[in-house]
């Protein structure tokens, strides 16, 4: 499928603005959904007082956060202390712009993405990796031992799981022969030879585990680790700056869910068999991508409710001794099949 003509610059700007507002709105209501689901998992009530089904809870939380006192440590590096949460949220919002949400021209005649990059996969990996600077700088600038330990953990952690993350993507790149996410969705990695499926399945499992670690979700939320580090890199943050870190975490979850869906599950395309129900149903833009993202968002919440936090040495061992080797194996299997079987 050939891409539509590039959108004018002002259209791109409007789409970027709308995307930011949608992601921030999704963050607000994901907090309520997570608290409600955790309540169900733990046999208790979640938020159920502010509005029907707690739909007004995000507004109440926002008002509370805005009017909280904004404390700044007297010994903190104030410029970096303020800049750090901004780095995290900007990187989180920027990464989603390369995700295609539908076929060209399906957004009221415009393309349903902000950027159609030939190196879209590398762009998302690079921008999401930059987000760790916001965590580390926030921990360092706070001039607190607990915050610094959280920042150092995040820095060491990213080296551990990024190797597995990158090598997992390598199997998909070898199969698709492109770094463009739109072209990847058009191809469909599972439409290739079944001989390539074992390597892709291994890459998929490794990528999901590594992505969970990247977004600092339980059981890999070592940079926060409330039982050990008070709140880790968040210890000295309050009010809006604390909220920016929370926004970045949930937007990163949404980006990870969309990226996994696009790489391995066909992105905005639905299963082919659904066309038997309604013709063209498998190519409904937005709907299928949102549905796939919802599955992974539920998985992130389920893991938080189910698994205890790993010890730090266990996480390092998992990254270096298991994720790295399994991701390398998936790349080797895929490369061997392409070279000697196909």
Protein backbone atom coordinates (compact mmCIF):
# COMPACT_ATOMS: atom_id res chain seq x y z
CA UNK A 1 0.00 0.00 0.00
CA UNK A 2 1.58 3.27 -1.08
CA UNK A 3 1.56 6.10 1.46
CA UNK A 4 -0.63 9.14 0.98
CA UNK A 5 0.97 12.50 0.25
CA UNK A 6 2.64 14.05 3.30
CA UNK A 7 0.34 16.25 5.35
CA UNK A 8 0.96 20.02 5.48
CA UNK A 9 3.05 21.25 8.36
CA UNK A 10 0.10 22.88 10.14
CA UNK A 11 -1.88 19.64 9.94
CA UNK A 12 1.07 17.77 11.44
CA UNK A 13 1.22 20.30 14.27
CA UNK A 14 -2.51 19.93 14.98
CA UNK A 15 -2.24 16.14 14.94
CA UNK A 16 0.69 16.29 17.37
CA UNK A 17 -1.29 18.57 19.69
CA UNK A 18 -4.38 16.35 19.56
CA UNK A 19 -2.26 13.25 20.16
CA UNK A 20 -0.72 14.82 23.27
CA UNK A 21 -4.18 15.70 24.62
CA UNK A 22 -5.48 12.19 23.90
CA UNK A 23 -2.50 10.56 25.61
CA UNK A 24 -2.82 12.80 28.67
CA UNK A 25 -6.55 12.04 28.82
CA UNK A 26 -5.79 8.33 28.52
CA UNK A 27 -3.26 8.68 31.36
CA UNK A 28 -5.89 10.28 33.59
CA UNK A 29 -8.43 7.53 33.11
CA UNK A 30 -5.86 4.71 33.13
CA UNK A 31 -5.12 5.68 36.74
CA UNK A 32 -8.80 5.12 37.60
CA UNK A 33 -8.99 1.88 35.60
CA UNK A 34 -5.86 0.57 37.31
CA UNK A 35 -7.13 1.44 40.79
CA UNK A 36 -10.49 -0.18 40.05
CA UNK A 37 -8.88 -3.33 38.69
CA UNK A 38 -6.43 -3.56 41.57
CA UNK A 39 -9.37 -3.27 43.93
CA UNK A 40 -11.03 -6.24 42.21
CA UNK A 41 -7.82 -8.26 42.24
CA UNK A 42 -7.36 -7.59 45.96
CA UNK A 43 -11.00 -8.12 46.95
CA UNK A 44 -11.68 -4.53 47.97
CA UNK A 45 -13.38 -1.45 46.61
CA UNK A 46 -11.49 0.86 44.32
CA UNK A 47 -12.43 4.54 43.90
CA UNK A 48 -16.23 4.69 43.74
CA UNK A 49 -17.32 8.00 45.25
CA UNK A 50 -16.48 10.78 42.78
CA UNK A 51 -19.03 10.51 39.99
CA UNK A 52 -20.68 7.36 38.59
CA UNK A 53 -18.07 4.59 38.27
CA UNK A 54 -15.51 7.18 39.49
CA UNK A 55 -15.43 8.94 36.10
CA UNK A 56 -14.75 12.27 37.85
CA UNK A 57 -11.90 10.87 39.97
CA UNK A 58 -9.16 12.12 37.57
CA UNK A 59 -10.54 15.66 37.86
CA UNK A 60 -10.51 15.44 41.65
CA UNK A 61 -6.96 14.07 41.59
CA UNK A 62 -5.83 16.84 39.24
CA UNK A 63 -7.29 19.56 41.48
CA UNK A 64 -5.66 18.01 44.53
CA UNK A 65 -2.27 17.77 42.78
CA UNK A 66 -2.38 21.33 41.44
CA UNK A 67 -3.12 22.85 44.84
CA UNK A 68 -0.56 20.82 46.74
CA UNK A 69 2.44 22.73 48.02
CA UNK A 70 5.33 22.54 45.56
CA UNK A 71 8.36 21.80 47.71
CA UNK A 72 11.92 22.23 46.45
CA UNK A 73 14.87 20.98 48.49
CA UNK A 74 17.14 23.84 49.50
CA UNK A 75 20.24 21.81 48.59
CA UNK A 76 18.87 20.58 45.25
CA UNK A 77 20.21 21.62 41.87
CA UNK A 78 17.08 23.61 41.11
CA UNK A 79 17.47 23.90 37.32
CA UNK A 80 18.05 20.17 36.78
CA UNK A 81 15.49 19.34 39.49
CA UNK A 82 12.79 21.15 37.48
CA UNK A 83 14.08 20.04 34.08
CA UNK A 84 14.17 16.30 34.86
CA UNK A 85 10.39 15.59 34.94
CA UNK A 86 9.98 17.69 31.78
CA UNK A 87 12.50 15.44 30.00
CA UNK A 88 10.55 12.34 31.00
CA UNK A 89 7.16 13.58 29.80
CA UNK A 90 8.50 15.07 26.55
CA UNK A 91 10.25 11.82 25.63
CA UNK A 92 7.15 9.82 26.53
CA UNK A 93 4.85 11.96 24.37
CA UNK A 94 7.30 12.17 21.47
CA UNK A 95 7.70 8.44 21.05
CA UNK A 96 4.03 7.75 20.21
CA UNK A 97 4.10 10.03 17.16
CA UNK A 98 5.66 7.36 14.93
CA UNK A 99 2.94 4.75 15.61
CA UNK A 100 0.57 4.33 12.60
CA UNK A 101 -3.05 4.07 13.76
CA UNK A 102 -4.65 3.25 10.40
CA UNK A 103 -4.16 3.18 6.63
CA UNK A 104 -3.10 6.35 4.78
CA UNK A 105 -5.86 8.94 4.49
CA UNK A 106 -8.15 7.27 7.04
CA UNK A 107 -8.14 10.23 9.47
CA UNK A 108 -10.70 12.49 7.76
CA UNK A 109 -8.58 12.30 4.62
CA UNK A 110 -5.30 12.77 6.46
CA UNK A 111 -2.70 10.22 7.54
CA UNK A 112 -3.36 8.72 11.01
CA UNK A 113 0.16 9.29 12.31
CA UNK A 114 2.28 12.30 13.20
CA UNK A 115 5.51 11.06 11.60
CA UNK A 116 6.01 8.46 8.87
CA UNK A 117 9.69 7.75 9.43
CA UNK A 118 11.79 5.29 7.45
CA UNK A 119 13.62 4.61 10.72
CA UNK A 120 10.48 4.56 12.86
CA UNK A 121 11.57 1.53 14.90
CA UNK A 122 14.94 3.07 15.75
CA UNK A 123 13.27 6.40 16.54
CA UNK A 124 10.96 4.86 19.15
CA UNK A 125 13.76 2.81 20.71
CA UNK A 126 15.98 5.91 20.89
CA UNK A 127 13.39 8.30 22.33
CA UNK A 128 12.11 5.86 24.94
CA UNK A 129 15.70 5.21 26.01
CA UNK A 130 16.25 8.94 26.51
CA UNK A 131 13.47 8.96 29.09
CA UNK A 132 15.81 7.35 31.63
CA UNK A 133 17.75 10.64 31.75
CA UNK A 134 14.73 12.28 33.35
CA UNK A 135 14.73 9.64 36.09
CA UNK A 136 18.47 9.69 36.70
CA UNK A 137 18.76 13.49 36.64
CA UNK A 138 15.78 13.81 38.97
CA UNK A 139 17.38 11.39 41.43
CA UNK A 140 20.74 13.16 41.25
CA UNK A 141 19.41 16.73 41.40
CA UNK A 142 17.25 16.01 44.47
CA UNK A 143 20.40 15.67 46.61
CA UNK A 144 18.83 12.78 48.50
CA UNK A 145 20.43 9.39 49.04
CA UNK A 146 17.20 7.50 48.39
CA UNK A 147 16.49 9.45 45.21
CA UNK A 148 20.06 8.99 43.98
CA UNK A 149 19.88 5.23 44.55
CA UNK A 150 16.67 5.12 42.52
CA UNK A 151 18.29 7.04 39.67
CA UNK A 152 21.37 4.80 39.69
CA UNK A 153 19.18 1.72 39.63
CA UNK A 154 17.34 3.04 36.60
CA UNK A 155 20.61 3.69 34.76
CA UNK A 156 21.97 0.19 35.46
CA UNK A 157 18.60 -1.37 34.72
CA UNK A 158 18.32 0.15 31.24
CA UNK A 159 21.69 -1.30 30.22
CA UNK A 160 20.47 -4.70 31.33
CA UNK A 161 17.17 -4.99 29.50
CA UNK A 162 17.88 -2.75 26.49
CA UNK A 163 20.13 -5.45 25.02
CA UNK A 164 17.30 -7.97 25.04
CA UNK A 165 14.87 -5.36 23.77
CA UNK A 166 17.02 -4.40 20.79
CA UNK A 167 17.92 -7.95 19.82
CA UNK A 168 14.24 -8.94 19.98
CA UNK A 169 13.40 -6.23 17.45
CA UNK A 170 16.25 -7.44 15.24
CA UNK A 171 14.33 -10.63 14.42
CA UNK A 172 11.34 -8.58 13.23
CA UNK A 173 13.57 -6.29 11.17
CA UNK A 174 15.19 -9.26 9.43
CA UNK A 175 11.79 -10.72 8.56
CA UNK A 176 10.21 -7.45 7.41
CA UNK A 177 13.28 -5.94 5.77
CA UNK A 178 12.25 -2.44 6.83
CA UNK A 179 12.43 -0.06 9.78
CA UNK A 180 9.25 1.76 8.73
CA UNK A 181 6.33 0.82 10.99
CA UNK A 182 3.71 1.54 8.34
CA UNK A 183 5.41 -0.81 5.90
CA UNK A 184 5.78 -3.38 8.67
CA UNK A 185 2.03 -3.35 9.33
CA UNK A 186 1.30 -3.63 5.60
CA UNK A 187 3.57 -6.69 5.37
CA UNK A 188 2.46 -8.52 8.52
CA UNK A 189 5.30 -10.51 10.06
CA UNK A 190 3.13 -13.59 10.62
CA UNK A 191 2.18 -13.77 6.92
CA UNK A 192 5.69 -14.93 6.09
CA UNK A 193 6.94 -18.53 6.06
CA UNK A 194 6.01 -20.63 9.14
CA UNK A 195 9.69 -21.55 9.37
CA UNK A 196 10.25 -18.06 10.79
CA UNK A 197 7.61 -18.36 13.49
CA UNK A 198 9.78 -19.99 16.23
CA UNK A 199 12.24 -17.09 16.17
CA UNK A 200 9.41 -14.53 16.13
CA UNK A 201 7.60 -16.20 19.05
CA UNK A 202 10.80 -16.17 21.09
CA UNK A 203 11.41 -12.52 20.14
CA UNK A 204 7.83 -11.62 21.11
CA UNK A 205 8.14 -13.12 24.59
CA UNK A 206 11.51 -11.50 25.20
CA UNK A 207 10.30 -8.13 23.97
CA UNK A 208 7.21 -8.13 26.20
CA UNK A 209 9.27 -8.87 29.32
CA UNK A 210 11.91 -6.27 28.38
CA UNK A 211 9.23 -3.65 27.62
CA UNK A 212 7.66 -4.25 31.04
CA UNK A 213 11.04 -3.51 32.61
CA UNK A 214 11.50 -0.43 30.44
CA UNK A 215 8.32 1.22 31.66
CA UNK A 216 9.35 0.54 35.29
CA UNK A 217 6.28 -1.51 36.06
CA UNK A 218 6.04 -4.18 38.74
CA UNK A 219 7.79 -6.57 39.17
CA UNK A 220 10.57 -4.40 37.69
CA UNK A 221 9.84 -1.09 39.45
CA UNK A 222 13.20 -1.05 41.23
CA UNK A 223 13.86 2.71 40.73
CA UNK A 224 10.90 3.42 43.05
CA UNK A 225 10.87 0.38 45.39
CA UNK A 226 8.77 1.94 48.17
CA UNK A 227 9.71 -0.71 50.73
CA UNK A 228 13.42 0.01 50.26
CA UNK A 229 13.88 3.56 48.94
CA UNK A 230 10.79 5.42 50.26
CA UNK A 231 9.81 6.38 46.69
CA UNK A 232 13.16 6.21 44.93
CA UNK A 233 13.75 9.01 42.45
CA UNK A 234 10.31 10.45 43.33
CA UNK A 235 11.11 10.90 47.02
CA UNK A 236 11.71 14.66 46.95
CA UNK A 237 9.12 15.53 44.29
CA UNK A 238 5.62 16.89 44.91
CA UNK A 239 2.73 18.65 43.20
CA UNK A 240 2.97 19.15 39.41
CA UNK A 241 6.52 17.82 39.05
CA UNK A 242 5.50 14.56 40.72
CA UNK A 243 2.45 14.38 38.44
CA UNK A 244 4.66 14.80 35.36
CA UNK A 245 6.60 11.68 36.31
CA UNK A 246 3.33 9.79 36.74
CA UNK A 247 2.15 11.01 33.34
CA UNK A 248 5.40 9.85 31.76
CA UNK A 249 5.06 6.37 33.27
CA UNK A 250 1.53 5.82 31.98
CA UNK A 251 2.22 7.35 28.56
CA UNK A 252 5.25 5.05 28.29
CA UNK A 253 2.95 2.13 29.08
CA UNK A 254 0.61 3.21 26.27
CA UNK A 255 3.55 3.59 23.87
CA UNK A 256 4.94 0.17 24.82
CA UNK A 257 1.52 -1.44 24.28
CA UNK A 258 1.14 0.26 20.88
CA UNK A 259 4.71 -0.62 19.85
CA UNK A 260 4.30 -4.31 20.77
CA UNK A 261 0.98 -4.41 18.90
CA UNK A 262 2.52 -2.80 15.82
CA UNK A 263 5.65 -4.95 15.75
CA UNK A 264 4.14 -8.35 16.43
CA UNK A 265 0.35 -8.22 16.18
CA UNK A 266 -0.38 -6.31 12.99
CA UNK A 267 -0.97 -2.87 14.52
CA UNK A 268 -4.27 -1.40 13.34
CA UNK A 269 -5.15 -4.50 11.27
CA UNK A 270 -7.51 -7.06 12.76
CA UNK A 271 -7.57 -10.84 12.28
CA UNK A 272 -8.49 -11.89 8.75
CA UNK A 273 -11.30 -14.20 9.85
CA UNK A 274 -13.40 -11.32 11.20
CA UNK A 275 -14.18 -10.32 7.60
CA UNK A 276 -16.57 -13.26 7.57
CA UNK A 277 -18.70 -11.37 10.09
CA UNK A 278 -18.56 -7.92 8.50
CA UNK A 279 -16.75 -7.22 5.25
CA UNK A 280 -13.77 -4.93 5.81
CA UNK A 281 -14.00 -5.35 9.60
CA UNK A 282 -10.35 -6.44 9.80
CA UNK A 283 -9.20 -3.02 8.54
CA UNK A 284 -11.15 -0.72 10.83
CA UNK A 285 -8.62 1.99 11.73
CA UNK A 286 -7.96 2.79 15.39
CA UNK A 287 -10.34 0.14 16.74
CA UNK A 288 -8.01 -2.85 16.46
CA UNK A 289 -4.97 -0.94 17.66
CA UNK A 290 -6.85 0.30 20.72
CA UNK A 291 -8.16 -3.22 21.43
CA UNK A 292 -4.66 -4.71 21.26
CA UNK A 293 -3.26 -1.93 23.42
CA UNK A 294 -5.99 -2.60 26.00
CA UNK A 295 -4.85 -6.23 26.27
CA UNK A 296 -1.30 -5.22 27.13
CA UNK A 297 -2.40 -2.44 29.48
CA UNK A 298 -4.48 -5.00 31.35
CA UNK A 299 -1.43 -7.30 31.42
CA UNK A 300 0.69 -4.54 33.02
CA UNK A 301 -1.93 -4.04 35.73
CA UNK A 302 -2.39 -7.78 36.25
CA UNK A 303 1.35 -8.27 36.72
CA UNK A 304 1.41 -5.48 39.31
CA UNK A 305 -1.38 -7.15 41.26
CA UNK A 306 0.11 -10.64 41.01
CA UNK A 307 3.90 -10.67 41.15
CA UNK A 308 6.17 -9.43 43.96
CA UNK A 309 8.98 -7.06 43.12
CA UNK A 310 12.23 -8.75 42.15
CA UNK A 311 15.38 -8.10 44.11
CA UNK A 312 17.82 -5.89 42.28
CA UNK A 313 20.34 -8.68 41.74
CA UNK A 314 17.56 -10.90 40.39
CA UNK A 315 16.62 -8.27 37.83
CA UNK A 316 20.24 -7.91 36.69
CA UNK A 317 20.56 -11.68 36.40
CA UNK A 318 17.31 -11.88 34.43
CA UNK A 319 18.48 -9.21 31.99
CA UNK A 320 22.02 -10.45 31.41
CA UNK A 321 21.64 -14.23 31.73
CA UNK A 322 18.18 -14.82 30.25
CA UNK A 323 16.69 -11.95 28.24
CA UNK A 324 19.93 -11.20 26.40
CA UNK A 325 20.60 -14.86 25.52
CA UNK A 326 16.99 -15.58 24.47
CA UNK A 327 16.82 -12.46 22.31
CA UNK A 328 20.16 -13.34 20.71
CA UNK A 329 18.88 -16.86 20.10
CA UNK A 330 15.75 -15.51 18.40
CA UNK A 331 17.90 -13.36 16.09
CA UNK A 332 20.20 -16.30 15.30
CA UNK A 333 17.28 -18.64 14.57
CA UNK A 334 15.62 -16.06 12.32
CA UNK A 335 18.86 -15.30 10.49
CA UNK A 336 19.67 -19.00 10.01
CA UNK A 337 16.20 -19.71 8.58
CA UNK A 338 16.46 -16.77 6.17
CA UNK A 339 19.98 -17.76 5.09
CA UNK A 340 19.69 -21.54 4.79
CA UNK A 341 16.00 -22.51 4.56
CA UNK A 342 14.13 -19.82 2.59
